[in-house]
PDB file of N, CA and C in Angstrom:
ATOM      1  N   MET A   1     -30.390  19.174-178.751  1.00  0.00           N
ATOM      2  CA  MET A   1     -29.555  18.086-178.515  1.00  0.00           C
ATOM      3  C   MET A   1     -29.738  17.564-177.402  1.00  0.00           C
ATOM      4  N   THR A   2     -29.990  16.209-177.121  1.00  0.00           N
ATOM      5  CA  THR A   2     -30.242  15.498-176.003  1.00  0.00           C
ATOM      6  C   THR A   2     -28.845  15.019-175.155  1.00  0.00           C
ATOM      7  N   GLY A   3     -27.918  15.070-175.755  1.00  0.00           N
ATOM      8  CA  GLY A   3     -26.613  14.523-174.977  1.00  0.00           C
ATOM      9  C   GLY A   3     -25.441  14.757-175.891  1.00  0.00           C
ATOM     10  N   SER A   4     -24.423  14.071-175.722  1.00  0.00           N
ATOM     11  CA  SER A   4     -23.128  14.065-176.193  1.00  0.00           C
ATOM     12  C   SER A   4     -22.549  12.757-176.133  1.00  0.00           C
ATOM     13  N   ARG A   5     -21.570  12.497-177.057  1.00  0.00           N
ATOM     14  CA  ARG A   5     -20.666  11.315-177.013  1.00  0.00           C
ATOM     15  C   ARG A   5     -19.368  11.480-177.388  1.00  0.00           C
ATOM     16  N   ARG A   6     -18.522  10.813-176.568  1.00  0.00           N
ATOM     17  CA  ARG A   6     -17.051  11.053-176.747  1.00  0.00           C
ATOM     18  C   ARG A   6     -16.538  10.069-177.657  1.00  0.00           C
ATOM     19  N   LEU A   7     -15.911  10.718-178.704  1.00  0.00           N
ATOM     20  CA  LEU A   7     -15.364   9.670-179.921  1.00  0.00           C
ATOM     21  C   LEU A   7     -13.771  10.124-180.009  1.00  0.00           C
ATOM     22  N   THR A   8     -13.215   9.345-180.804  1.00  0.00           N
ATOM     23  CA  THR A   8     -11.772   9.537-181.047  1.00  0.00           C
ATOM     24  C   THR A   8     -11.553  10.287-182.411  1.00  0.00           C
ATOM     25  N   ALA A   9     -10.849  11.178-182.237  1.00  0.00           N
ATOM     26  CA  ALA A   9     -10.364  12.062-183.568  1.00  0.00           C
ATOM     27  C   ALA A   9      -8.841  11.945-183.677  1.00  0.00           C
ATOM     28  N   ILE A  10      -8.337  11.368-184.820  1.00  0.00           N
ATOM     29  CA  ILE A  10      -6.916  11.134-185.389  1.00  0.00           C
ATOM     30  C   ILE A  10      -6.778  12.329-186.332  1.00  0.00           C
ATOM     31  N   ILE A  11      -5.853  13.066-186.155  1.00  0.00           N
ATOM     32  CA  ILE A  11      -5.464  14.146-187.142  1.00  0.00           C
ATOM     33  C   ILE A  11      -4.094  13.984-187.372  1.00  0.00           C
ATOM     34  N   GLY A  12      -4.017  14.234-188.817  1.00  0.00           N
ATOM     35  CA  GLY A  12      -2.533  13.991-189.323  1.00  0.00           C
ATOM     36  C   GLY A  12      -2.263  14.823-190.454  1.00  0.00           C
ATOM     37  N   ARG A  13      -1.218  15.281-190.764  1.00  0.00           N
ATOM     38  CA  ARG A  13      -0.831  16.308-191.875  1.00  0.00           C
ATOM     39  C   ARG A  13      -0.754  15.431-193.228  1.00  0.00           C
ATOM     40  N   GLU A  14      -1.382  15.961-194.169  1.00  0.00           N
ATOM     41  CA  GLU A  14      -1.304  15.428-195.609  1.00  0.00           C
ATOM     42  C   GLU A  14      -1.144  16.706-196.545  1.00  0.00           C
ATOM     43  N   GLY A  15       0.214  16.704-196.975  1.00  0.00           N
ATOM     44  CA  GLY A  15       0.624  17.973-197.800  1.00  0.00           C
ATOM     45  C   GLY A  15       0.619  19.314-197.090  1.00  0.00           C
ATOM     46  N   ASP A  16      -0.313  20.014-197.526  1.00  0.00           N
ATOM     47  CA  ASP A  16      -0.521  21.442-196.975  1.00  0.00           C
ATOM     48  C   ASP A  16      -1.649  21.610-196.109  1.00  0.00           C
ATOM     49  N   ALA A  17      -2.402  20.245-195.847  1.00  0.00           N
ATOM     50  CA  ALA A  17      -3.717  20.199-195.013  1.00  0.00           C
ATOM     51  C   ALA A  17      -3.704  19.217-194.025  1.00  0.00           C
ATOM     52  N   TYR A  18      -4.606  19.237-193.227  1.00  0.00           N
ATOM     53  CA  TYR A  18      -4.842  18.224-192.067  1.00  0.00           C
ATOM     54  C   TYR A  18      -5.858  17.549-192.164  1.00  0.00           C
ATOM     55  N   VAL A  19      -5.829  16.198-192.202  1.00  0.00           N
ATOM     56  CA  VAL A  19      -7.049  15.254-192.187  1.00  0.00           C
ATOM     57  C   VAL A  19      -7.419  14.655-190.855  1.00  0.00           C
ATOM     58  N   SER A  20      -8.688  14.777-190.599  1.00  0.00           N
ATOM     59  CA  SER A  20      -9.083  14.250-189.228  1.00  0.00           C
ATOM     60  C   SER A  20      -9.930  13.044-189.616  1.00  0.00           C
ATOM     61  N   LEU A  21      -9.984  12.218-188.655  1.00  0.00           N
ATOM     62  CA  LEU A  21     -10.720  10.876-188.942  1.00  0.00           C
ATOM     63  C   LEU A  21     -11.191  10.460-187.415  1.00  0.00           C
ATOM     64  N   CYS A  22     -12.605  10.019-187.509  1.00  0.00           N
ATOM     65  CA  CYS A  22     -12.974   9.548-186.315  1.00  0.00           C
ATOM     66  C   CYS A  22     -13.135   7.716-186.842  1.00  0.00           C
ATOM     67  N   PRO A  23     -12.344   7.153-186.242  1.00  0.00           N
ATOM     68  CA  PRO A  23     -12.359   5.605-186.626  1.00  0.00           C
ATOM     69  C   PRO A  23     -13.570   4.849-186.126  1.00  0.00           C
ATOM     70  N   GLU A  24     -14.294   5.296-184.985  1.00  0.00           N
ATOM     71  CA  GLU A  24     -15.438   4.544-184.590  1.00  0.00           C
ATOM     72  C   GLU A  24     -16.479   4.522-185.597  1.00  0.00           C
ATOM     73  N   LEU A  25     -16.650   5.729-186.411  1.00  0.00           N
ATOM     74  CA  LEU A  25     -17.443   5.750-187.562  1.00  0.00           C
ATOM     75  C   LEU A  25     -17.086   5.739-188.915  1.00  0.00           C
ATOM     76  N   ASP A  26     -15.799   5.857-189.209  1.00  0.00           N
ATOM     77  CA  ASP A  26     -14.997   5.869-190.116  1.00  0.00           C
ATOM     78  C   ASP A  26     -15.631   7.116-190.964  1.00  0.00           C
ATOM     79  N   ILE A  27     -15.601   8.345-190.185  1.00  0.00           N
ATOM     80  CA  ILE A  27     -16.033   9.517-190.904  1.00  0.00           C
ATOM     81  C   ILE A  27     -14.584  10.396-191.087  1.00  0.00           C
ATOM     82  N   ALA A  28     -14.541  11.175-191.952  1.00  0.00           N
ATOM     83  CA  ALA A  28     -13.214  12.004-192.087  1.00  0.00           C
ATOM     84  C   ALA A  28     -13.432  13.339-192.450  1.00  0.00           C
ATOM     85  N   SER A  29     -12.832  14.313-192.302  1.00  0.00           N
ATOM     86  CA  SER A  29     -12.764  15.699-192.867  1.00  0.00           C
ATOM     87  C   SER A  29     -11.484  16.233-193.024  1.00  0.00           C
ATOM     88  N   GLN A  30     -11.189  17.262-193.189  1.00  0.00           N
ATOM     89  CA  GLN A  30     -10.038  18.084-193.356  1.00  0.00           C
ATOM     90  C   GLN A  30     -10.067  19.525-193.122  1.00  0.00           C
ATOM     91  N   GLY A  31      -8.801  20.234-193.165  1.00  0.00           N
ATOM     92  CA  GLY A  31      -8.772  21.671-192.696  1.00  0.00           C
ATOM     93  C   GLY A  31      -7.314  22.255-192.991  1.00  0.00           C
ATOM     94  N   ALA A  32      -7.264  23.468-193.018  1.00  0.00           N
ATOM     95  CA  ALA A  32      -5.919  24.154-193.342  1.00  0.00           C
ATOM     96  C   ALA A  32      -4.869  24.067-191.974  1.00  0.00           C
ATOM     97  N   THR A  33      -5.726  23.855-190.750  1.00  0.00           N
ATOM     98  CA  THR A  33      -5.062  23.783-189.332  1.00  0.00           C
ATOM     99  C   THR A  33      -5.541  22.642-188.910  1.00  0.00           C
ATOM    100  N   ILE A  34      -4.882  22.103-187.704  1.00  0.00           N
ATOM    101  CA  ILE A  34      -5.335  21.194-186.804  1.00  0.00           C
ATOM    102  C   ILE A  34      -6.681  21.606-186.242  1.00  0.00           C
ATOM    103  N   GLU A  35      -6.808  22.844-185.894  1.00  0.00           N
ATOM    104  CA  GLU A  35      -8.046  23.043-185.335  1.00  0.00           C
ATOM    105  C   GLU A  35      -9.336  23.105-186.247  1.00  0.00           C
ATOM    106  N   GLU A  36      -8.948  23.702-187.426  1.00  0.00           N
ATOM    107  CA  GLU A  36      -9.838  23.681-188.481  1.00  0.00           C
ATOM    108  C   GLU A  36     -10.307  22.134-188.880  1.00  0.00           C
ATOM    109  N   ALA A  37      -9.447  21.301-189.008  1.00  0.00           N
ATOM    110  CA  ALA A  37      -9.747  19.888-189.117  1.00  0.00           C
ATOM    111  C   ALA A  37     -10.541  19.433-188.088  1.00  0.00           C
ATOM    112  N   ARG A  38     -10.124  19.610-186.740  1.00  0.00           N
ATOM    113  CA  ARG A  38     -10.975  19.041-185.723  1.00  0.00           C
ATOM    114  C   ARG A  38     -12.326  19.519-185.636  1.00  0.00           C
ATOM    115  N   THR A  39     -12.480  21.022-185.954  1.00  0.00           N
ATOM    116  CA  THR A  39     -13.902  21.572-186.020  1.00  0.00           C
ATOM    117  C   THR A  39     -14.737  21.043-187.245  1.00  0.00           C
ATOM    118  N   ASN A  40     -14.130  20.801-188.352  1.00  0.00           N
ATOM    119  CA  ASN A  40     -14.666  20.361-189.591  1.00  0.00           C
ATOM    120  C   ASN A  40     -15.124  18.772-189.247  1.00  0.00           C
ATOM    121  N   LEU A  41     -14.359  17.961-188.383  1.00  0.00           N
ATOM    122  CA  LEU A  41     -14.795  16.534-188.237  1.00  0.00           C
ATOM    123  C   LEU A  41     -15.989  16.633-187.166  1.00  0.00           C
ATOM    124  N   ILE A  42     -15.931  17.424-186.203  1.00  0.00           N
ATOM    125  CA  ILE A  42     -17.034  17.698-185.121  1.00  0.00           C
ATOM    126  C   ILE A  42     -18.386  17.985-186.067  1.00  0.00           C
ATOM    127  N   GLU A  43     -18.213  18.792-187.033  1.00  0.00           N
ATOM    128  CA  GLU A  43     -19.583  19.518-187.893  1.00  0.00           C
ATOM    129  C   GLU A  43     -19.778  18.140-188.636  1.00  0.00           C
ATOM    130  N   ALA A  44     -18.967  17.294-189.259  1.00  0.00           N
ATOM    131  CA  ALA A  44     -19.314  16.114-190.078  1.00  0.00           C
ATOM    132  C   ALA A  44     -19.899  15.130-189.021  1.00  0.00           C
ATOM    133  N   LEU A  45     -19.405  14.760-188.066  1.00  0.00           N
ATOM    134  CA  LEU A  45     -19.994  13.879-186.964  1.00  0.00           C
ATOM    135  C   LEU A  45     -21.598  14.413-186.561  1.00  0.00           C
ATOM    136  N   THR A  46     -21.625  15.705-186.324  1.00  0.00           N
ATOM    137  CA  THR A  46     -22.934  16.238-185.998  1.00  0.00           C
ATOM    138  C   THR A  46     -23.939  15.924-186.945  1.00  0.00           C
ATOM    139  N   LEU A  47     -23.480  16.241-188.326  1.00  0.00           N
ATOM    140  CA  LEU A  47     -24.425  16.032-189.425  1.00  0.00           C
ATOM    141  C   LEU A  47     -24.656  14.697-189.481  1.00  0.00           C
ATOM    142  N   PHE A  48     -23.763  13.716-189.300  1.00  0.00           N
ATOM    143  CA  PHE A  48     -24.044  12.260-189.534  1.00  0.00           C
ATOM    144  C   PHE A  48     -25.172  11.912-188.396  1.00  0.00           C
ATOM    145  N   PHE A  49     -25.136  12.315-187.071  1.00  0.00           N
ATOM    146  CA  PHE A  49     -25.951  11.910-186.010  1.00  0.00           C
ATOM    147  C   PHE A  49     -27.352  12.591-186.274  1.00  0.00           C
ATOM    148  N   GLU A  50     -27.360  13.902-186.882  1.00  0.00           N
ATOM    149  CA  GLU A  50     -28.707  14.409-187.216  1.00  0.00           C
ATOM    150  C   GLU A  50     -29.394  13.605-188.168  1.00  0.00           C
ATOM    151  N   THR A  51     -28.773  13.180-189.072  1.00  0.00           N
ATOM    152  CA  THR A  51     -29.423  12.605-190.334  1.00  0.00           C
ATOM    153  C   THR A  51     -29.463  11.004-190.197  1.00  0.00           C
ATOM    154  N   ALA A  52     -28.744  10.425-189.763  1.00  0.00           N
ATOM    155  CA  ALA A  52     -28.600   8.813-189.822  1.00  0.00           C
ATOM    156  C   ALA A  52     -29.515   8.148-188.904  1.00  0.00           C
ATOM    157  N   SER A  53     -30.248   7.172-189.263  1.00  0.00           N
ATOM    158  CA  SER A  53     -31.328   6.453-188.542  1.00  0.00           C
ATOM    159  C   SER A  53     -30.541   5.798-187.253  1.00  0.00           C
ATOM    160  N   ALA A  54     -31.247   5.490-186.588  1.00  0.00           N
ATOM    161  CA  ALA A  54     -30.552   4.509-185.268  1.00  0.00           C
ATOM    162  C   ALA A  54     -29.852   3.214-185.760  1.00  0.00           C
ATOM    163  N   GLU A  55     -30.438   2.725-186.765  1.00  0.00           N
ATOM    164  CA  GLU A  55     -30.113   1.535-187.362  1.00  0.00           C
ATOM    165  C   GLU A  55     -28.725   1.784-188.103  1.00  0.00           C
ATOM    166  N   GLU A  56     -28.663   2.794-188.773  1.00  0.00           N
ATOM    167  CA  GLU A  56     -27.431   3.252-189.595  1.00  0.00           C
ATOM    168  C   GLU A  56     -26.271   3.480-188.400  1.00  0.00           C
ATOM    169  N   THR A  57     -26.486   4.101-187.405  1.00  0.00           N
ATOM    170  CA  THR A  57     -25.662   4.486-186.359  1.00  0.00           C
ATOM    171  C   THR A  57     -25.063   3.136-185.720  1.00  0.00           C
ATOM    172  N   ALA A  58     -26.032   2.258-185.336  1.00  0.00           N
ATOM    173  CA  ALA A  58     -25.687   1.028-184.875  1.00  0.00           C
ATOM    174  C   ALA A  58     -24.816   0.084-185.754  1.00  0.00           C
ATOM    175  N   LYS A  59     -25.028   0.085-186.909  1.00  0.00           N
ATOM    176  CA  LYS A  59     -24.343  -0.558-187.899  1.00  0.00           C
ATOM    177  C   LYS A  59     -22.960  -0.156-188.184  1.00  0.00           C
ATOM    178  N   ARG A  60     -22.913   1.324-188.121  1.00  0.00           N
ATOM    179  CA  ARG A  60     -21.445   1.886-188.335  1.00  0.00           C
ATOM    180  C   ARG A  60     -20.418   1.928-187.023  1.00  0.00           C
ATOM    181  N   LEU A  61     -21.292   2.082-185.947  1.00  0.00           N
ATOM    182  CA  LEU A  61     -20.458   2.520-184.720  1.00  0.00           C
ATOM    183  C   LEU A  61     -19.682   1.171-184.392  1.00  0.00           C
ATOM    184  N   ARG A  62     -18.312   1.507-184.070  1.00  0.00           N
ATOM    185  CA  ARG A  62     -17.418   0.470-183.640  1.00  0.00           C
ATOM    186  C   ARG A  62     -17.553   0.760-181.761  1.00  0.00           C
ATOM    187  N   GLY A  63     -17.499  -0.236-181.243  1.00  0.00           N
ATOM    188  CA  GLY A  63     -17.520  -0.124-179.725  1.00  0.00           C
ATOM    189  C   GLY A  63     -16.151   0.424-179.076  1.00  0.00           C
ATOM    190  N   GLU A  64     -15.130   0.001-179.312  1.00  0.00           N
ATOM    191  CA  GLU A  64     -14.015   0.317-178.735  1.00  0.00           C
ATOM    192  C   GLU A  64     -12.731   0.442-179.912  1.00  0.00           C
ATOM    193  N   VAL A  65     -11.901   1.551-179.617  1.00  0.00           N
ATOM    194  CA  VAL A  65     -10.888   1.799-180.644  1.00  0.00           C
ATOM    195  C   VAL A  65      -9.891   2.141-179.840  1.00  0.00           C
ATOM    196  N   PHE A  66      -8.663   1.424-180.012  1.00  0.00           N
ATOM    197  CA  PHE A  66      -7.369   1.725-179.316  1.00  0.00           C
ATOM    198  C   PHE A  66      -6.415   2.371-180.354  1.00  0.00           C
ATOM    199  N   VAL A  67      -5.785   3.585-179.823  1.00  0.00           N
ATOM    200  CA  VAL A  67      -4.767   4.013-180.680  1.00  0.00           C
ATOM    201  C   VAL A  67      -3.577   3.892-180.053  1.00  0.00           C
ATOM    202  N   THR A  68      -2.771   3.512-180.825  1.00  0.00           N
ATOM    203  CA  THR A  68      -1.203   3.007-180.166  1.00  0.00           C
ATOM    204  C   THR A  68      -0.340   3.178-181.411  1.00  0.00           C
ATOM    205  N   GLN A  69       0.975   3.059-181.053  1.00  0.00           N
ATOM    206  CA  GLN A  69       2.071   3.223-182.036  1.00  0.00           C
ATOM    207  C   GLN A  69       2.697   1.842-182.113  1.00  0.00           C
ATOM    208  N   VAL A  70       3.089   1.434-183.094  1.00  0.00           N
ATOM    209  CA  VAL A  70       3.932   0.235-183.408  1.00  0.00           C
ATOM    210  C   VAL A  70       4.987   0.513-183.945  1.00  0.00           C
ATOM    211  N   GLU A  71       6.155  -0.392-183.722  1.00  0.00           N
ATOM    212  CA  GLU A  71       7.486  -0.314-184.533  1.00  0.00           C
ATOM    213  C   GLU A  71       7.681  -1.483-185.264  1.00  0.00           C
ATOM    214  N   VAL A  72       7.986  -1.184-186.618  1.00  0.00           N
ATOM    215  CA  VAL A  72       8.193  -2.221-187.660  1.00  0.00           C
ATOM    216  C   VAL A  72       9.526  -2.081-188.314  1.00  0.00           C
ATOM    217  N   PRO A  73      10.147  -3.264-188.551  1.00  0.00           N
ATOM    218  CA  PRO A  73      11.487  -3.098-189.359  1.00  0.00           C
ATOM    219  C   PRO A  73      11.231  -2.602-190.825  1.00  0.00           C
ATOM    220  N   VAL A  74      11.999  -1.597-191.347  1.00  0.00           N
ATOM    221  CA  VAL A  74      12.003  -1.115-192.693  1.00  0.00           C
ATOM    222  C   VAL A  74      13.320  -1.225-193.328  1.00  0.00           C
ATOM    223  N   GLY A  75      13.365  -1.298-194.632  1.00  0.00           N
ATOM    224  CA  GLY A  75      14.553  -1.401-195.377  1.00  0.00           C
ATOM    225  C   GLY A  75      15.357  -2.500-195.127  1.00  0.00           C
TER     226      GLY A  75
END
């Protein structure tokens, strides 16, 4: 490995599992626990960087991602 890259991981519960998403690359994974979902996402991202060409990485990689909450009226 020549280096590392800091990416965003968003993890949410879906039923009995946790789903993890990296919005910069639109890559997702899941696990039975938060830590497992995080670990599985790291594995999926590692595999992506090991197999994707530089062109594919550049095409998919979003520069900045902002994670925030918004309040909307319901009902």
